[in-house]
Amino acid sequence: RQLAQEGTSFSEVLDQLRQRLALRYLKEERVSLQQVAWLLGYSEIGAFNHAFKRWTGTSPGRARNLQ
């Protein structure tokens, strides 16, 4: 109820946190994309790829190579 009063939801907060953490983890080259997906709570790398593309418009691998 408190989140709703602030105009957000648990899933939105979780999504924003995952996005920030994904960008941080991708800077660490020794952490594989599979590990990043697992650290963010995704059981499948495909789900992580889909979410990352929704957040940024590009794939996690491409984003990592651009850094």
C-alpha atoms as a PDB file:
ATOM      1  CA  ARG A   1       0.000   0.000   0.000  1.00  0.00           C
ATOM      2  CA  GLN A   2       2.836   2.383   0.783  1.00  0.00           C
ATOM      3  CA  LEU A   3       4.422   1.830  -2.615  1.00  0.00           C
ATOM      4  CA  ALA A   4       1.082   2.438  -4.296  1.00  0.00           C
ATOM      5  CA  GLN A   5       0.771   5.702  -2.377  1.00  0.00           C
ATOM      6  CA  GLU A   6       4.116   6.717  -3.846  1.00  0.00           C
ATOM      7  CA  GLY A   7       2.923   5.811  -7.339  1.00  0.00           C
ATOM      8  CA  THR A   8       5.026   2.677  -7.800  1.00  0.00           C
ATOM      9  CA  SER A   9       4.929  -1.060  -7.187  1.00  0.00           C
ATOM     10  CA  PHE A  10       7.263  -3.744  -5.920  1.00  0.00           C
ATOM     11  CA  SER A  11       7.823  -5.055  -9.437  1.00  0.00           C
ATOM     12  CA  GLU A  12       8.797  -1.573 -10.683  1.00  0.00           C
ATOM     13  CA  VAL A  13      11.260  -1.103  -7.815  1.00  0.00           C
ATOM     14  CA  LEU A  14      12.738  -4.555  -8.456  1.00  0.00           C
ATOM     15  CA  ASP A  15      13.027  -3.847 -12.192  1.00  0.00           C
ATOM     16  CA  GLN A  16      14.851  -0.555 -11.561  1.00  0.00           C
ATOM     17  CA  LEU A  17      17.233  -2.213  -9.103  1.00  0.00           C
ATOM     18  CA  ARG A  18      17.981  -5.038 -11.527  1.00  0.00           C
ATOM     19  CA  GLN A  19      18.731  -2.516 -14.274  1.00  0.00           C
ATOM     20  CA  ARG A  20      21.192  -0.565 -12.122  1.00  0.00           C
ATOM     21  CA  LEU A  21      22.893  -3.743 -10.924  1.00  0.00           C
ATOM     22  CA  ALA A  22      23.084  -5.174 -14.458  1.00  0.00           C
ATOM     23  CA  LEU A  23      24.964  -2.110 -15.670  1.00  0.00           C
ATOM     24  CA  ARG A  24      27.337  -2.352 -12.708  1.00  0.00           C
ATOM     25  CA  TYR A  25      27.953  -6.093 -13.165  1.00  0.00           C
ATOM     26  CA  LEU A  26      28.583  -5.737 -16.896  1.00  0.00           C
ATOM     27  CA  LYS A  27      31.550  -3.487 -16.128  1.00  0.00           C
ATOM     28  CA  GLU A  28      33.202  -6.476 -14.441  1.00  0.00           C
ATOM     29  CA  GLU A  29      34.630  -8.425 -17.377  1.00  0.00           C
ATOM     30  CA  ARG A  30      35.423 -11.455 -15.217  1.00  0.00           C
ATOM     31  CA  VAL A  31      31.693 -11.941 -14.516  1.00  0.00           C
ATOM     32  CA  SER A  32      30.058 -13.886 -17.353  1.00  0.00           C
ATOM     33  CA  LEU A  33      26.681 -12.907 -18.786  1.00  0.00           C
ATOM     34  CA  GLN A  34      25.254 -16.126 -17.330  1.00  0.00           C
ATOM     35  CA  GLN A  35      26.540 -15.107 -13.895  1.00  0.00           C
ATOM     36  CA  VAL A  36      25.063 -11.625 -14.260  1.00  0.00           C
ATOM     37  CA  ALA A  37      21.688 -13.157 -15.111  1.00  0.00           C
ATOM     38  CA  TRP A  38      21.909 -15.451 -12.069  1.00  0.00           C
ATOM     39  CA  LEU A  39      22.986 -12.611  -9.749  1.00  0.00           C
ATOM     40  CA  LEU A  40      19.949 -10.622 -10.858  1.00  0.00           C
ATOM     41  CA  GLY A  41      17.596 -13.521 -10.148  1.00  0.00           C
ATOM     42  CA  TYR A  42      16.951 -14.724 -13.693  1.00  0.00           C
ATOM     43  CA  SER A  43      16.908 -18.499 -14.107  1.00  0.00           C
ATOM     44  CA  GLU A  44      17.375 -18.211 -17.883  1.00  0.00           C
ATOM     45  CA  ILE A  45      19.830 -15.977 -19.708  1.00  0.00           C
ATOM     46  CA  GLY A  46      17.154 -15.382 -22.349  1.00  0.00           C
ATOM     47  CA  ALA A  47      14.919 -13.696 -19.774  1.00  0.00           C
ATOM     48  CA  PHE A  48      17.807 -11.466 -18.735  1.00  0.00           C
ATOM     49  CA  ASN A  49      18.582 -10.611 -22.376  1.00  0.00           C
ATOM     50  CA  HIS A  50      14.941  -9.697 -22.980  1.00  0.00           C
ATOM     51  CA  ALA A  51      14.775  -7.486 -19.871  1.00  0.00           C
ATOM     52  CA  PHE A  52      18.090  -5.797 -20.684  1.00  0.00           C
ATOM     53  CA  LYS A  53      16.946  -4.995 -24.222  1.00  0.00           C
ATOM     54  CA  ARG A  54      13.741  -3.535 -22.787  1.00  0.00           C
ATOM     55  CA  TRP A  55      15.757  -1.314 -20.437  1.00  0.00           C
ATOM     56  CA  THR A  56      18.465  -0.186 -22.835  1.00  0.00           C
ATOM     57  CA  GLY A  57      17.487  -1.066 -26.392  1.00  0.00           C
ATOM     58  CA  THR A  58      20.568  -3.253 -26.839  1.00  0.00           C
ATOM     59  CA  SER A  59      21.858  -6.648 -25.766  1.00  0.00           C
ATOM     60  CA  PRO A  60      23.975  -7.149 -22.626  1.00  0.00           C
ATOM     61  CA  GLY A  61      26.904  -8.418 -24.705  1.00  0.00           C
ATOM     62  CA  ARG A  62      26.850  -5.382 -26.983  1.00  0.00           C
ATOM     63  CA  ALA A  63      26.547  -3.034 -23.991  1.00  0.00           C
ATOM     64  CA  ARG A  64      29.548  -4.717 -22.370  1.00  0.00           C
ATOM     65  CA  ASN A  65      31.616  -4.336 -25.544  1.00  0.00           C
ATOM     66  CA  LEU A  66      30.774  -0.618 -25.754  1.00  0.00           C
ATOM     67  CA  GLN A  67      32.096   0.083 -22.266  1.00  0.00           C
END
